[in-house]
Amino acid sequence: MLLTFPAFMGSLEQGMIYAVLSLGVFLSFRTLNTPDLTVDGSVVTGAAASAVVCSIGGNPFLGLLLAFICGCGAGAVTALLNTKLKIQPLLAGILVMLGLYSINLRIMGSKPNISLIRSNTIYKMAEDIFQEEYAGLFVGLIILVIVIAIFYFFLKTRLGFALRATGDNEEMVRAYAINSDGMKVMGLAFSNGFVALAGGMLAQYLSFADVTMGTGMVVIGLASVIIGEAIFGTKSLLRRLAAVSLGAMVYRLIIAQALAFGLPTSDLKIVSAMIVVGALAIGTFSGNFPFKLVVGKKEAE
């Protein structure tokens, strides 16, 4: 059974939210070359902060800003554990992720979930401006374009080049008197800030926040990055950012199609793992496929 139009639109809307998350993952895994597992915790931190602001009648845009700030704080703590206490990045991320579970419960008033059905959100506000069935699509597209523009212009600055160089060759960066530890703190802070922003958007889109909604988010982010790079290429920075975003949408469409075929929701995790493996295989063996060779030749010309 193929996807219905509402299911297709819903997948695109969620795909744009996950695209913001994937760009945050891209900043840590690809740009800084640092495996960061804080994502599973920081996405919930963003959702919790955004949901609390909306639930008390606050401005939903303020909720997203607060989500970004809280995410930056979580990422900075992970980076400080790594740079100052010399804890391995993977372990530092795990420790912060575990700690964030309790912090997220505190933010949510010791409740496991918060409902936003009767609260104002950016998506409900958009329904007053755009046609209702396309409101979520326009909101996601506007925010995604803004985030991509921020990434593109920031990574093109001298500070952005220093950040990218830190991920490529940390020793060389230090030889040029650049504070590599500071670059890591800034990079992981921004990375988790955008992840938390995606969490805040997701909470407002779904009209609830749950303390367990971050489980497996790092896998979704990685899958999106890998799928996007394998299918759409990495020839330039802008193309790479667009590829990561499109990869998130492709991922959501694959998951939605699997559910349309009758796949039990309990099997979604193994499907996600298979998607990642398949994307890695495409990236590894794509040079052996004739159509890839033709595309590569035309690009070279």
C-alpha atoms as a PDB file:
ATOM      1  CA  MET A   1       0.000   0.000   0.000  1.00  0.00           C
ATOM      2  CA  LEU A   2       1.424   3.368  -1.028  1.00  0.00           C
ATOM      3  CA  LEU A   3       1.431   6.417   1.231  1.00  0.00           C
ATOM      4  CA  THR A   4      -1.725   8.487   1.295  1.00  0.00           C
ATOM      5  CA  PHE A   5      -1.419  12.224   0.664  1.00  0.00           C
ATOM      6  CA  PRO A   6      -1.937  13.170   4.358  1.00  0.00           C
ATOM      7  CA  ALA A   7       0.700  10.612   5.399  1.00  0.00           C
ATOM      8  CA  PHE A   8       3.089  11.931   2.749  1.00  0.00           C
ATOM      9  CA  MET A   9       2.610  15.527   3.929  1.00  0.00           C
ATOM     10  CA  GLY A  10       3.013  14.513   7.553  1.00  0.00           C
ATOM     11  CA  SER A  11       6.266  12.719   6.739  1.00  0.00           C
ATOM     12  CA  LEU A  12       7.601  15.807   4.964  1.00  0.00           C
ATOM     13  CA  GLU A  13       6.644  18.043   7.898  1.00  0.00           C
ATOM     14  CA  GLN A  14       8.383  15.774  10.395  1.00  0.00           C
ATOM     15  CA  GLY A  15      11.267  15.336   7.963  1.00  0.00           C
ATOM     16  CA  MET A  16      11.922  19.081   8.056  1.00  0.00           C
ATOM     17  CA  ILE A  17      12.019  19.005  11.851  1.00  0.00           C
ATOM     18  CA  TYR A  18      14.424  16.067  11.793  1.00  0.00           C
ATOM     19  CA  ALA A  19      16.458  17.929   9.161  1.00  0.00           C
ATOM     20  CA  VAL A  20      17.237  20.599  11.774  1.00  0.00           C
ATOM     21  CA  LEU A  21      18.285  17.835  14.180  1.00  0.00           C
ATOM     22  CA  SER A  22      20.402  16.211  11.461  1.00  0.00           C
ATOM     23  CA  LEU A  23      22.219  19.473  10.766  1.00  0.00           C
ATOM     24  CA  GLY A  24      23.132  19.606  14.455  1.00  0.00           C
ATOM     25  CA  VAL A  25      24.403  16.022  14.263  1.00  0.00           C
ATOM     26  CA  PHE A  26      26.277  16.924  11.076  1.00  0.00           C
ATOM     27  CA  LEU A  27      28.106  19.695  12.942  1.00  0.00           C
ATOM     28  CA  SER A  28      29.419  17.317  15.606  1.00  0.00           C
ATOM     29  CA  PHE A  29      29.961  14.094  13.652  1.00  0.00           C
ATOM     30  CA  ARG A  30      31.148  15.472  10.328  1.00  0.00           C
ATOM     31  CA  THR A  31      32.516  18.968  10.973  1.00  0.00           C
ATOM     32  CA  LEU A  32      34.137  18.351  14.366  1.00  0.00           C
ATOM     33  CA  ASN A  33      34.638  14.620  13.771  1.00  0.00           C
ATOM     34  CA  THR A  34      33.376  14.000  17.319  1.00  0.00           C
ATOM     35  CA  PRO A  35      30.892  11.223  18.167  1.00  0.00           C
ATOM     36  CA  ASP A  36      28.356  12.929  20.428  1.00  0.00           C
ATOM     37  CA  LEU A  37      25.663  10.901  22.184  1.00  0.00           C
ATOM     38  CA  THR A  38      24.331  13.917  24.074  1.00  0.00           C
ATOM     39  CA  VAL A  39      21.750  14.210  21.288  1.00  0.00           C
ATOM     40  CA  ASP A  40      19.320  11.703  22.835  1.00  0.00           C
ATOM     41  CA  GLY A  41      19.156  13.882  25.950  1.00  0.00           C
ATOM     42  CA  SER A  42      19.407  17.386  24.510  1.00  0.00           C
ATOM     43  CA  VAL A  43      16.521  16.850  22.078  1.00  0.00           C
ATOM     44  CA  VAL A  44      14.275  16.128  25.080  1.00  0.00           C
ATOM     45  CA  THR A  45      15.692  19.151  26.907  1.00  0.00           C
ATOM     46  CA  GLY A  46      14.602  21.324  23.992  1.00  0.00           C
ATOM     47  CA  ALA A  47      11.184  19.677  23.865  1.00  0.00           C
ATOM     48  CA  ALA A  48      10.705  20.087  27.624  1.00  0.00           C
ATOM     49  CA  ALA A  49      11.763  23.750  27.672  1.00  0.00           C
ATOM     50  CA  SER A  50       9.565  24.577  24.691  1.00  0.00           C
ATOM     51  CA  ALA A  51       6.579  22.691  26.101  1.00  0.00           C
ATOM     52  CA  VAL A  52       6.802  24.360  29.515  1.00  0.00           C
ATOM     53  CA  VAL A  53       6.869  27.850  27.984  1.00  0.00           C
ATOM     54  CA  CYS A  54       3.890  27.045  25.739  1.00  0.00           C
ATOM     55  CA  SER A  55       1.919  25.356  28.531  1.00  0.00           C
ATOM     56  CA  ILE A  56       2.098  28.414  30.807  1.00  0.00           C
ATOM     57  CA  GLY A  57       0.781  30.627  28.034  1.00  0.00           C
ATOM     58  CA  GLY A  58       4.126  31.984  26.919  1.00  0.00           C
ATOM     59  CA  ASN A  59       5.247  32.873  23.418  1.00  0.00           C
ATOM     60  CA  PRO A  60       6.038  29.671  21.450  1.00  0.00           C
ATOM     61  CA  PHE A  61       8.907  31.459  19.684  1.00  0.00           C
ATOM     62  CA  LEU A  62      10.387  32.226  23.096  1.00  0.00           C
ATOM     63  CA  GLY A  63      10.017  28.522  23.846  1.00  0.00           C
ATOM     64  CA  LEU A  64      12.127  27.648  20.799  1.00  0.00           C
ATOM     65  CA  LEU A  65      14.768  30.221  21.775  1.00  0.00           C
ATOM     66  CA  LEU A  66      14.919  28.806  25.300  1.00  0.00           C
ATOM     67  CA  ALA A  67      15.167  25.288  23.842  1.00  0.00           C
ATOM     68  CA  PHE A  68      18.176  26.360  21.747  1.00  0.00           C
ATOM     69  CA  ILE A  69      19.893  27.972  24.763  1.00  0.00           C
ATOM     70  CA  CYS A  70      19.339  24.899  26.967  1.00  0.00           C
ATOM     71  CA  GLY A  71      20.701  22.658  24.228  1.00  0.00           C
ATOM     72  CA  CYS A  72      23.791  24.853  23.918  1.00  0.00           C
ATOM     73  CA  GLY A  73      24.362  24.452  27.657  1.00  0.00           C
ATOM     74  CA  ALA A  74      24.121  20.655  27.432  1.00  0.00           C
ATOM     75  CA  GLY A  75      26.573  20.522  24.532  1.00  0.00           C
ATOM     76  CA  ALA A  76      29.004  22.840  26.303  1.00  0.00           C
ATOM     77  CA  VAL A  77      29.027  20.558  29.366  1.00  0.00           C
ATOM     78  CA  THR A  78      29.845  17.546  27.167  1.00  0.00           C
ATOM     79  CA  ALA A  79      32.690  19.454  25.507  1.00  0.00           C
ATOM     80  CA  LEU A  80      34.080  20.640  28.862  1.00  0.00           C
ATOM     81  CA  LEU A  81      34.087  17.080  30.218  1.00  0.00           C
ATOM     82  CA  ASN A  82      36.054  16.059  27.146  1.00  0.00           C
ATOM     83  CA  THR A  83      38.492  18.981  26.962  1.00  0.00           C
ATOM     84  CA  LYS A  84      39.063  19.818  30.635  1.00  0.00           C
ATOM     85  CA  LEU A  85      38.616  16.456  32.366  1.00  0.00           C
ATOM     86  CA  LYS A  86      39.980  14.466  29.402  1.00  0.00           C
ATOM     87  CA  ILE A  87      36.976  12.137  29.335  1.00  0.00           C
ATOM     88  CA  GLN A  88      36.529  10.363  25.999  1.00  0.00           C
ATOM     89  CA  PRO A  89      33.866  12.062  23.789  1.00  0.00           C
ATOM     90  CA  LEU A  90      31.617   8.990  23.701  1.00  0.00           C
ATOM     91  CA  LEU A  91      31.676   8.571  27.482  1.00  0.00           C
ATOM     92  CA  ALA A  92      31.237  12.312  28.061  1.00  0.00           C
ATOM     93  CA  GLY A  93      28.154  12.283  25.855  1.00  0.00           C
ATOM     94  CA  ILE A  94      26.726   9.254  27.654  1.00  0.00           C
ATOM     95  CA  LEU A  95      27.279  10.858  31.060  1.00  0.00           C
ATOM     96  CA  VAL A  96      25.573  14.103  30.052  1.00  0.00           C
ATOM     97  CA  MET A  97      22.742  12.195  28.380  1.00  0.00           C
ATOM     98  CA  LEU A  98      22.131  10.263  31.610  1.00  0.00           C
ATOM     99  CA  GLY A  99      22.247  13.430  33.687  1.00  0.00           C
ATOM    100  CA  LEU A 100      19.844  15.193  31.336  1.00  0.00           C
ATOM    101  CA  TYR A 101      17.151  12.592  32.043  1.00  0.00           C
ATOM    102  CA  SER A 102      16.795  13.893  35.589  1.00  0.00           C
ATOM    103  CA  ILE A 103      17.181  17.514  34.499  1.00  0.00           C
ATOM    104  CA  ASN A 104      14.484  17.090  31.865  1.00  0.00           C
ATOM    105  CA  LEU A 105      12.112  15.661  34.471  1.00  0.00           C
ATOM    106  CA  ARG A 106      12.847  18.697  36.658  1.00  0.00           C
ATOM    107  CA  ILE A 107      12.103  21.063  33.778  1.00  0.00           C
ATOM    108  CA  MET A 108       8.797  19.265  33.206  1.00  0.00           C
ATOM    109  CA  GLY A 109       7.846  19.545  36.884  1.00  0.00           C
ATOM    110  CA  SER A 110       8.587  15.873  37.623  1.00  0.00           C
ATOM    111  CA  LYS A 111       5.934  14.857  35.074  1.00  0.00           C
ATOM    112  CA  PRO A 112       6.814  12.268  32.403  1.00  0.00           C
ATOM    113  CA  ASN A 113       4.918  14.232  29.746  1.00  0.00           C
ATOM    114  CA  ILE A 114       3.276  17.587  29.055  1.00  0.00           C
ATOM    115  CA  SER A 115       0.272  18.060  26.796  1.00  0.00           C
ATOM    116  CA  LEU A 116       0.070  21.086  24.496  1.00  0.00           C
ATOM    117  CA  ILE A 117      -3.329  20.349  22.981  1.00  0.00           C
ATOM    118  CA  ARG A 118      -4.845  23.477  24.542  1.00  0.00           C
ATOM    119  CA  SER A 119      -1.667  25.569  24.315  1.00  0.00           C
ATOM    120  CA  ASN A 120      -0.578  27.935  21.581  1.00  0.00           C
ATOM    121  CA  THR A 121       2.218  26.723  19.292  1.00  0.00           C
ATOM    122  CA  ILE A 122       3.920  28.031  16.160  1.00  0.00           C
ATOM    123  CA  TYR A 123       2.020  25.448  14.119  1.00  0.00           C
ATOM    124  CA  LYS A 124      -1.365  26.594  15.431  1.00  0.00           C
ATOM    125  CA  MET A 125      -0.364  30.202  14.780  1.00  0.00           C
ATOM    126  CA  ALA A 126       0.603  29.267  11.216  1.00  0.00           C
ATOM    127  CA  GLU A 127      -2.868  27.835  10.584  1.00  0.00           C
ATOM    128  CA  ASP A 128      -4.238  31.396  10.898  1.00  0.00           C
ATOM    129  CA  ILE A 129      -1.852  32.573   8.160  1.00  0.00           C
ATOM    130  CA  PHE A 130      -1.507  29.659   5.745  1.00  0.00           C
ATOM    131  CA  GLN A 131      -3.959  27.055   4.512  1.00  0.00           C
ATOM    132  CA  GLU A 132      -4.416  24.602   7.383  1.00  0.00           C
ATOM    133  CA  GLU A 133      -3.221  21.466   5.568  1.00  0.00           C
ATOM    134  CA  TYR A 134      -0.016  23.187   4.423  1.00  0.00           C
ATOM    135  CA  ALA A 135       0.701  25.257   7.559  1.00  0.00           C
ATOM    136  CA  GLY A 136       3.116  22.728   9.085  1.00  0.00           C
ATOM    137  CA  LEU A 137       4.964  22.421   5.795  1.00  0.00           C
ATOM    138  CA  PHE A 138       5.496  26.180   5.503  1.00  0.00           C
ATOM    139  CA  VAL A 139       6.652  26.524   9.129  1.00  0.00           C
ATOM    140  CA  GLY A 140       9.149  23.695   8.776  1.00  0.00           C
ATOM    141  CA  LEU A 141      10.429  24.994   5.446  1.00  0.00           C
ATOM    142  CA  ILE A 142      10.919  28.563   6.731  1.00  0.00           C
ATOM    143  CA  ILE A 143      12.816  27.452   9.841  1.00  0.00           C
ATOM    144  CA  LEU A 144      14.881  24.915   7.876  1.00  0.00           C
ATOM    145  CA  VAL A 145      15.926  27.505   5.281  1.00  0.00           C
ATOM    146  CA  ILE A 146      16.935  29.909   8.064  1.00  0.00           C
ATOM    147  CA  VAL A 147      18.984  27.200   9.812  1.00  0.00           C
ATOM    148  CA  ILE A 148      20.723  26.156   6.576  1.00  0.00           C
ATOM    149  CA  ALA A 149      21.568  29.805   5.872  1.00  0.00           C
ATOM    150  CA  ILE A 150      23.001  30.201   9.392  1.00  0.00           C
ATOM    151  CA  PHE A 151      25.133  27.084   8.951  1.00  0.00           C
ATOM    152  CA  TYR A 152      26.334  28.114   5.506  1.00  0.00           C
ATOM    153  CA  PHE A 153      27.336  31.679   6.323  1.00  0.00           C
ATOM    154  CA  PHE A 154      28.819  30.760   9.717  1.00  0.00           C
ATOM    155  CA  LEU A 155      30.959  27.940   8.320  1.00  0.00           C
ATOM    156  CA  LYS A 156      32.230  30.368   5.665  1.00  0.00           C
ATOM    157  CA  THR A 157      33.546  32.827   8.274  1.00  0.00           C
ATOM    158  CA  ARG A 158      37.074  32.709   9.724  1.00  0.00           C
ATOM    159  CA  LEU A 159      35.644  31.268  12.935  1.00  0.00           C
ATOM    160  CA  GLY A 160      33.782  28.657  10.914  1.00  0.00           C
ATOM    161  CA  PHE A 161      36.922  27.722   9.001  1.00  0.00           C
ATOM    162  CA  ALA A 162      38.763  27.359  12.330  1.00  0.00           C
ATOM    163  CA  LEU A 163      35.988  25.062  13.560  1.00  0.00           C
ATOM    164  CA  ARG A 164      36.171  22.926  10.414  1.00  0.00           C
ATOM    165  CA  ALA A 165      39.958  22.810  10.610  1.00  0.00           C
ATOM    166  CA  THR A 166      39.730  21.600  14.216  1.00  0.00           C
ATOM    167  CA  GLY A 167      37.741  18.593  13.052  1.00  0.00           C
ATOM    168  CA  ASP A 168      40.138  17.919  10.167  1.00  0.00           C
ATOM    169  CA  ASN A 169      43.455  18.286  11.977  1.00  0.00           C
ATOM    170  CA  GLU A 170      43.485  19.377  15.612  1.00  0.00           C
ATOM    171  CA  GLU A 171      47.281  19.386  15.915  1.00  0.00           C
ATOM    172  CA  MET A 172      47.677  21.682  12.922  1.00  0.00           C
ATOM    173  CA  VAL A 173      45.100  24.066  14.402  1.00  0.00           C
ATOM    174  CA  ARG A 174      47.050  24.256  17.649  1.00  0.00           C
ATOM    175  CA  ALA A 175      50.221  24.953  15.696  1.00  0.00           C
ATOM    176  CA  TYR A 176      48.497  28.075  14.343  1.00  0.00           C
ATOM    177  CA  ALA A 177      47.713  29.218  17.915  1.00  0.00           C
ATOM    178  CA  ILE A 178      43.986  28.476  17.619  1.00  0.00           C
ATOM    179  CA  ASN A 179      42.306  27.277  20.814  1.00  0.00           C
ATOM    180  CA  SER A 180      41.077  23.851  19.692  1.00  0.00           C
ATOM    181  CA  ASP A 181      39.382  23.213  23.043  1.00  0.00           C
ATOM    182  CA  GLY A 182      37.408  26.412  22.630  1.00  0.00           C
ATOM    183  CA  MET A 183      36.418  25.347  19.135  1.00  0.00           C
ATOM    184  CA  LYS A 184      35.134  22.029  20.488  1.00  0.00           C
ATOM    185  CA  VAL A 185      33.096  23.734  23.193  1.00  0.00           C
ATOM    186  CA  MET A 186      31.583  26.143  20.676  1.00  0.00           C
ATOM    187  CA  GLY A 187      30.943  23.412  18.091  1.00  0.00           C
ATOM    188  CA  LEU A 188      29.252  20.960  20.462  1.00  0.00           C
ATOM    189  CA  ALA A 189      27.265  23.792  22.061  1.00  0.00           C
ATOM    190  CA  PHE A 190      25.885  24.910  18.703  1.00  0.00           C
ATOM    191  CA  SER A 191      25.354  21.298  17.610  1.00  0.00           C
ATOM    192  CA  ASN A 192      23.186  20.457  20.605  1.00  0.00           C
ATOM    193  CA  GLY A 193      21.537  23.857  20.431  1.00  0.00           C
ATOM    194  CA  PHE A 194      20.115  23.029  17.014  1.00  0.00           C
ATOM    195  CA  VAL A 195      19.255  19.508  18.159  1.00  0.00           C
ATOM    196  CA  ALA A 196      17.300  21.004  21.073  1.00  0.00           C
ATOM    197  CA  LEU A 197      15.658  23.480  18.688  1.00  0.00           C
ATOM    198  CA  ALA A 198      14.431  20.495  16.671  1.00  0.00           C
ATOM    199  CA  GLY A 199      13.157  18.969  19.920  1.00  0.00           C
ATOM    200  CA  GLY A 200      11.235  22.153  20.684  1.00  0.00           C
ATOM    201  CA  MET A 201       9.727  22.149  17.193  1.00  0.00           C
ATOM    202  CA  LEU A 202       8.809  18.465  17.515  1.00  0.00           C
ATOM    203  CA  ALA A 203       7.037  19.036  20.841  1.00  0.00           C
ATOM    204  CA  GLN A 204       4.995  21.881  19.355  1.00  0.00           C
ATOM    205  CA  TYR A 205       4.242  19.864  16.224  1.00  0.00           C
ATOM    206  CA  LEU A 206       3.100  16.765  18.145  1.00  0.00           C
ATOM    207  CA  SER A 207       1.401  18.898  20.845  1.00  0.00           C
ATOM    208  CA  PHE A 208       3.189  17.066  23.644  1.00  0.00           C
ATOM    209  CA  ALA A 209       6.592  16.499  25.183  1.00  0.00           C
ATOM    210  CA  ASP A 210       7.647  13.178  26.698  1.00  0.00           C
ATOM    211  CA  VAL A 211      10.752  12.399  28.711  1.00  0.00           C
ATOM    212  CA  THR A 212      11.453   9.301  26.578  1.00  0.00           C
ATOM    213  CA  MET A 213      10.969  10.916  23.152  1.00  0.00           C
ATOM    214  CA  GLY A 214      14.729  11.266  22.610  1.00  0.00           C
ATOM    215  CA  THR A 215      15.422   7.537  22.412  1.00  0.00           C
ATOM    216  CA  GLY A 216      17.194   6.736  19.148  1.00  0.00           C
ATOM    217  CA  MET A 217      17.410  10.351  17.933  1.00  0.00           C
ATOM    218  CA  VAL A 218      21.156  10.099  17.387  1.00  0.00           C
ATOM    219  CA  VAL A 219      20.510   7.148  15.056  1.00  0.00           C
ATOM    220  CA  ILE A 220      17.937   9.195  13.129  1.00  0.00           C
ATOM    221  CA  GLY A 221      20.413  12.052  12.798  1.00  0.00           C
ATOM    222  CA  LEU A 222      23.214   9.763  11.623  1.00  0.00           C
ATOM    223  CA  ALA A 223      20.925   7.938   9.204  1.00  0.00           C
ATOM    224  CA  SER A 224      19.834  11.257   7.693  1.00  0.00           C
ATOM    225  CA  VAL A 225      23.423  12.457   7.281  1.00  0.00           C
ATOM    226  CA  ILE A 226      24.567   9.192   5.696  1.00  0.00           C
ATOM    227  CA  ILE A 227      21.531   8.832   3.412  1.00  0.00           C
ATOM    228  CA  GLY A 228      21.766  12.438   2.259  1.00  0.00           C
ATOM    229  CA  GLU A 229      25.485  12.285   1.509  1.00  0.00           C
ATOM    230  CA  ALA A 230      25.168   8.931  -0.263  1.00  0.00           C
ATOM    231  CA  ILE A 231      22.261   9.979  -2.502  1.00  0.00           C
ATOM    232  CA  PHE A 232      22.784  13.705  -3.065  1.00  0.00           C
ATOM    233  CA  GLY A 233      26.570  14.045  -2.781  1.00  0.00           C
ATOM    234  CA  THR A 234      28.995  16.330  -0.936  1.00  0.00           C
ATOM    235  CA  LYS A 235      30.549  18.393  -3.714  1.00  0.00           C
ATOM    236  CA  SER A 236      30.173  21.771  -1.955  1.00  0.00           C
ATOM    237  CA  LEU A 237      29.218  23.010   1.504  1.00  0.00           C
ATOM    238  CA  LEU A 238      25.766  24.217   0.450  1.00  0.00           C
ATOM    239  CA  ARG A 239      25.109  20.963  -1.390  1.00  0.00           C
ATOM    240  CA  ARG A 240      26.208  19.022   1.679  1.00  0.00           C
ATOM    241  CA  LEU A 241      23.860  20.952   3.980  1.00  0.00           C
ATOM    242  CA  ALA A 242      20.999  20.479   1.528  1.00  0.00           C
ATOM    243  CA  ALA A 243      21.863  16.778   1.225  1.00  0.00           C
ATOM    244  CA  VAL A 244      21.684  16.275   4.994  1.00  0.00           C
ATOM    245  CA  SER A 245      18.300  18.013   5.103  1.00  0.00           C
ATOM    246  CA  LEU A 246      16.920  15.992   2.197  1.00  0.00           C
ATOM    247  CA  GLY A 247      18.317  12.835   3.778  1.00  0.00           C
ATOM    248  CA  ALA A 248      16.134  13.451   6.843  1.00  0.00           C
ATOM    249  CA  MET A 249      13.060  13.768   4.646  1.00  0.00           C
ATOM    250  CA  VAL A 250      13.935  10.599   2.712  1.00  0.00           C
ATOM    251  CA  TYR A 251      14.406   8.782   6.027  1.00  0.00           C
ATOM    252  CA  ARG A 252      10.966   9.846   7.279  1.00  0.00           C
ATOM    253  CA  LEU A 253       9.361   8.839   3.980  1.00  0.00           C
ATOM    254  CA  ILE A 254      10.989   5.392   4.155  1.00  0.00           C
ATOM    255  CA  ILE A 255       9.722   4.910   7.719  1.00  0.00           C
ATOM    256  CA  ALA A 256       6.225   6.104   6.769  1.00  0.00           C
ATOM    257  CA  GLN A 257       6.145   3.756   3.774  1.00  0.00           C
ATOM    258  CA  ALA A 258       7.234   0.857   5.973  1.00  0.00           C
ATOM    259  CA  LEU A 259       4.342   1.617   8.345  1.00  0.00           C
ATOM    260  CA  ALA A 260       1.964   1.865   5.361  1.00  0.00           C
ATOM    261  CA  PHE A 261       2.996  -1.671   4.387  1.00  0.00           C
ATOM    262  CA  GLY A 262       1.828  -2.831   7.815  1.00  0.00           C
ATOM    263  CA  LEU A 263       5.145  -2.963   9.674  1.00  0.00           C
ATOM    264  CA  PRO A 264       4.591  -3.084  13.464  1.00  0.00           C
ATOM    265  CA  THR A 265       5.876   0.005  15.279  1.00  0.00           C
ATOM    266  CA  SER A 266       7.943  -2.307  17.512  1.00  0.00           C
ATOM    267  CA  ASP A 267      10.127  -3.102  14.477  1.00  0.00           C
ATOM    268  CA  LEU A 268      10.979   0.523  13.625  1.00  0.00           C
ATOM    269  CA  LYS A 269      14.335   0.413  15.414  1.00  0.00           C
ATOM    270  CA  ILE A 270      15.628  -2.525  13.382  1.00  0.00           C
ATOM    271  CA  VAL A 271      14.362  -0.820  10.216  1.00  0.00           C
ATOM    272  CA  SER A 272      16.312   2.304  11.190  1.00  0.00           C
ATOM    273  CA  ALA A 273      19.433   0.191  11.687  1.00  0.00           C
ATOM    274  CA  MET A 274      18.935  -1.448   8.290  1.00  0.00           C
ATOM    275  CA  ILE A 275      18.504   1.969   6.643  1.00  0.00           C
ATOM    276  CA  VAL A 276      21.833   3.125   8.099  1.00  0.00           C
ATOM    277  CA  VAL A 277      23.567  -0.062   6.956  1.00  0.00           C
ATOM    278  CA  GLY A 278      22.062   0.308   3.485  1.00  0.00           C
ATOM    279  CA  ALA A 279      23.132   3.944   3.229  1.00  0.00           C
ATOM    280  CA  LEU A 280      26.664   3.049   4.314  1.00  0.00           C
ATOM    281  CA  ALA A 281      26.743   0.292   1.713  1.00  0.00           C
ATOM    282  CA  ILE A 282      25.651   2.745  -0.985  1.00  0.00           C
ATOM    283  CA  GLY A 283      28.384   5.141   0.064  1.00  0.00           C
ATOM    284  CA  THR A 284      30.991   2.367   0.079  1.00  0.00           C
ATOM    285  CA  PHE A 285      30.118   0.601  -3.163  1.00  0.00           C
ATOM    286  CA  SER A 286      28.629   3.466  -5.193  1.00  0.00           C
ATOM    287  CA  GLY A 287      31.838   3.719  -7.214  1.00  0.00           C
ATOM    288  CA  ASN A 288      31.113   0.239  -8.586  1.00  0.00           C
ATOM    289  CA  PHE A 289      27.725   1.262  -9.971  1.00  0.00           C
ATOM    290  CA  PRO A 290      27.654   2.410 -13.619  1.00  0.00           C
ATOM    291  CA  PHE A 291      25.135   5.215 -12.988  1.00  0.00           C
ATOM    292  CA  LYS A 292      27.429   6.699 -10.327  1.00  0.00           C
ATOM    293  CA  LEU A 293      30.324   6.640 -12.725  1.00  0.00           C
ATOM    294  CA  VAL A 294      28.298   8.479 -15.342  1.00  0.00           C
ATOM    295  CA  VAL A 295      27.164  11.124 -12.841  1.00  0.00           C
ATOM    296  CA  GLY A 296      30.699  11.597 -11.581  1.00  0.00           C
ATOM    297  CA  LYS A 297      32.006  11.983 -15.124  1.00  0.00           C
ATOM    298  CA  LYS A 298      29.428  14.631 -16.018  1.00  0.00           C
ATOM    299  CA  GLU A 299      30.178  16.597 -12.840  1.00  0.00           C
ATOM    300  CA  ALA A 300      33.889  16.508 -13.642  1.00  0.00           C
ATOM    301  CA  GLU A 301      33.204  17.852 -17.112  1.00  0.00           C
END
